[in-house]
Each structure stands twice: as C-alpha cells, then as structure tokens.
C-alpha cells in the first residue's frame, strides 16, 4: 500500500515538472488548465505501479518519468484528435 501511494505521488510530481517546463511564469503554472496535468501524472504514476518491473532501474524515478510523459502523450493525442474532428466536421 505504501508503494501504491508513493507511485501516485511521484507520478503527480512528474505532472508538476511537466507544467513547470511548459509554462513561462508561476502564475501561468498555477492555473486550473495546468492543474489537470498534475492529476494526469498521478493517474499514470498509479497505472505504472501496476505495470512496473524489477529490471534494476529505480521504479520511483520511472514513476516520475511516467507522470511527465503520460501527461504529454495524452495532451498530444487529444490535440491531434480534436484537430482531426474539427476538420472532419467542416462543411
């Protein structure tokens, strides 16, 4: 149970890192729109808990990376899908 919480928190930390790296000011980072990426990071960290392996790389560090990359992957996918949908619905 402790690991489950740790991976979730570390995934959220990855989401925070993503927000900090993609914003130009602290005020911009503290917006609601950016807070969703912290939640996405936490969810991907939690998912990683169930998928991780013991191949020698520290799993806690990987949870941070998963939180960061998971958020970016979801953002890029939703942006692309939204663009494709908008083009498909043009008259």
Protein backbone atom coordinates (compact mmCIF):
# COMPACT_ATOMS: atom_id res chain seq x y z
CA UNK A 1 0.00 0.00 0.00
CA UNK A 2 2.87 2.38 0.75
CA UNK A 3 4.30 1.81 -2.72
CA UNK A 4 0.92 2.50 -4.30
CA UNK A 5 0.76 5.91 -2.63
CA UNK A 6 4.41 6.61 -3.46
CA UNK A 7 3.97 5.88 -7.15
CA UNK A 8 0.84 8.04 -7.27
CA UNK A 9 2.62 10.95 -5.59
CA UNK A 10 5.70 10.55 -7.78
CA UNK A 11 3.51 10.48 -10.89
CA UNK A 12 1.92 13.72 -9.71
CA UNK A 13 5.42 15.14 -9.24
CA UNK A 14 6.10 14.25 -12.88
CA UNK A 15 2.95 16.16 -13.82
CA UNK A 16 4.19 19.16 -11.81
CA UNK A 17 7.52 19.01 -13.63
CA UNK A 18 5.69 18.94 -16.94
CA UNK A 19 3.68 22.02 -16.01
CA UNK A 20 6.77 23.89 -14.83
CA UNK A 21 8.67 23.07 -18.01
CA UNK A 22 5.82 24.11 -20.31
CA UNK A 23 4.90 27.42 -18.68
CA UNK A 24 6.71 30.72 -18.59
CA UNK A 25 5.61 32.06 -15.21
CA UNK A 26 4.44 30.75 -11.87
CA UNK A 27 1.07 32.48 -12.36
CA UNK A 28 0.58 30.60 -15.61
CA UNK A 29 1.61 27.33 -13.93
CA UNK A 30 -0.99 27.78 -11.17
CA UNK A 31 -4.00 27.91 -13.49
CA UNK A 32 -6.76 25.31 -13.49
CA UNK A 33 -5.91 24.33 -17.05
CA UNK A 34 -2.44 23.25 -15.93
CA UNK A 35 -3.61 21.54 -12.75
CA UNK A 36 -5.20 18.79 -14.82
CA UNK A 37 -1.72 17.63 -15.86
CA UNK A 38 -0.81 17.03 -12.23
CA UNK A 39 -3.87 14.79 -11.95
CA UNK A 40 -2.99 13.01 -15.19
CA UNK A 41 0.54 12.49 -13.84
CA UNK A 42 -0.86 10.99 -10.63
CA UNK A 43 -3.10 8.64 -12.62
CA UNK A 44 -0.24 7.49 -14.86
CA UNK A 45 2.00 7.01 -11.81
CA UNK A 46 -0.71 4.84 -10.31
CA UNK A 47 -1.02 2.88 -13.56
CA UNK A 48 2.75 2.41 -13.60
CA UNK A 49 2.56 0.89 -10.12
CA UNK A 50 0.58 -1.99 -11.58
CA UNK A 51 2.87 -2.33 -14.63
CA UNK A 52 6.39 -1.83 -13.30
CA UNK A 53 9.11 -4.47 -13.34
CA UNK A 54 12.22 -5.20 -11.31
CA UNK A 55 14.83 -4.86 -14.04
CA UNK A 56 17.18 -2.73 -11.98
CA UNK A 57 16.12 0.80 -12.84
CA UNK A 58 14.69 2.60 -9.80
CA UNK A 59 10.95 2.36 -10.11
CA UNK A 60 10.32 5.57 -8.15
CA UNK A 61 12.30 7.55 -10.74
CA UNK A 62 10.38 5.81 -13.51
CA UNK A 63 7.10 6.82 -11.86
CA UNK A 64 8.18 10.48 -12.15
CA UNK A 65 9.03 9.99 -15.83
CA UNK A 66 5.76 8.21 -16.49
CA UNK A 67 3.87 11.07 -14.86
CA UNK A 68 5.65 13.53 -17.14
CA UNK A 69 5.46 11.59 -20.39
CA UNK A 70 1.96 10.27 -19.78
CA UNK A 71 0.65 13.82 -19.49
CA UNK A 72 2.46 14.88 -22.68
CA UNK A 73 1.22 11.81 -24.57
CA UNK A 74 -2.38 12.41 -23.57
CA UNK A 75 -2.16 16.11 -24.43
CA UNK A 76 -0.67 15.45 -27.86
CA UNK A 77 -3.19 12.71 -28.61
CA UNK A 78 -6.18 14.83 -27.60
CA UNK A 79 -4.90 17.83 -29.58
CA UNK A 80 -4.46 15.72 -32.70
CA UNK A 81 -7.87 14.04 -32.29
CA UNK A 82 -9.52 17.42 -31.75
CA UNK A 83 -7.90 18.81 -34.90
CA UNK A 84 -8.96 15.78 -36.95
CA UNK A 85 -12.51 16.04 -35.63
CA UNK A 86 -12.72 19.75 -36.43
CA UNK A 87 -11.51 19.10 -39.98
CA UNK A 88 -13.97 16.24 -40.43
CA UNK A 89 -16.89 18.42 -39.28
CA UNK A 90 -16.10 21.35 -41.59
CA UNK A 91 -18.87 21.99 -44.09
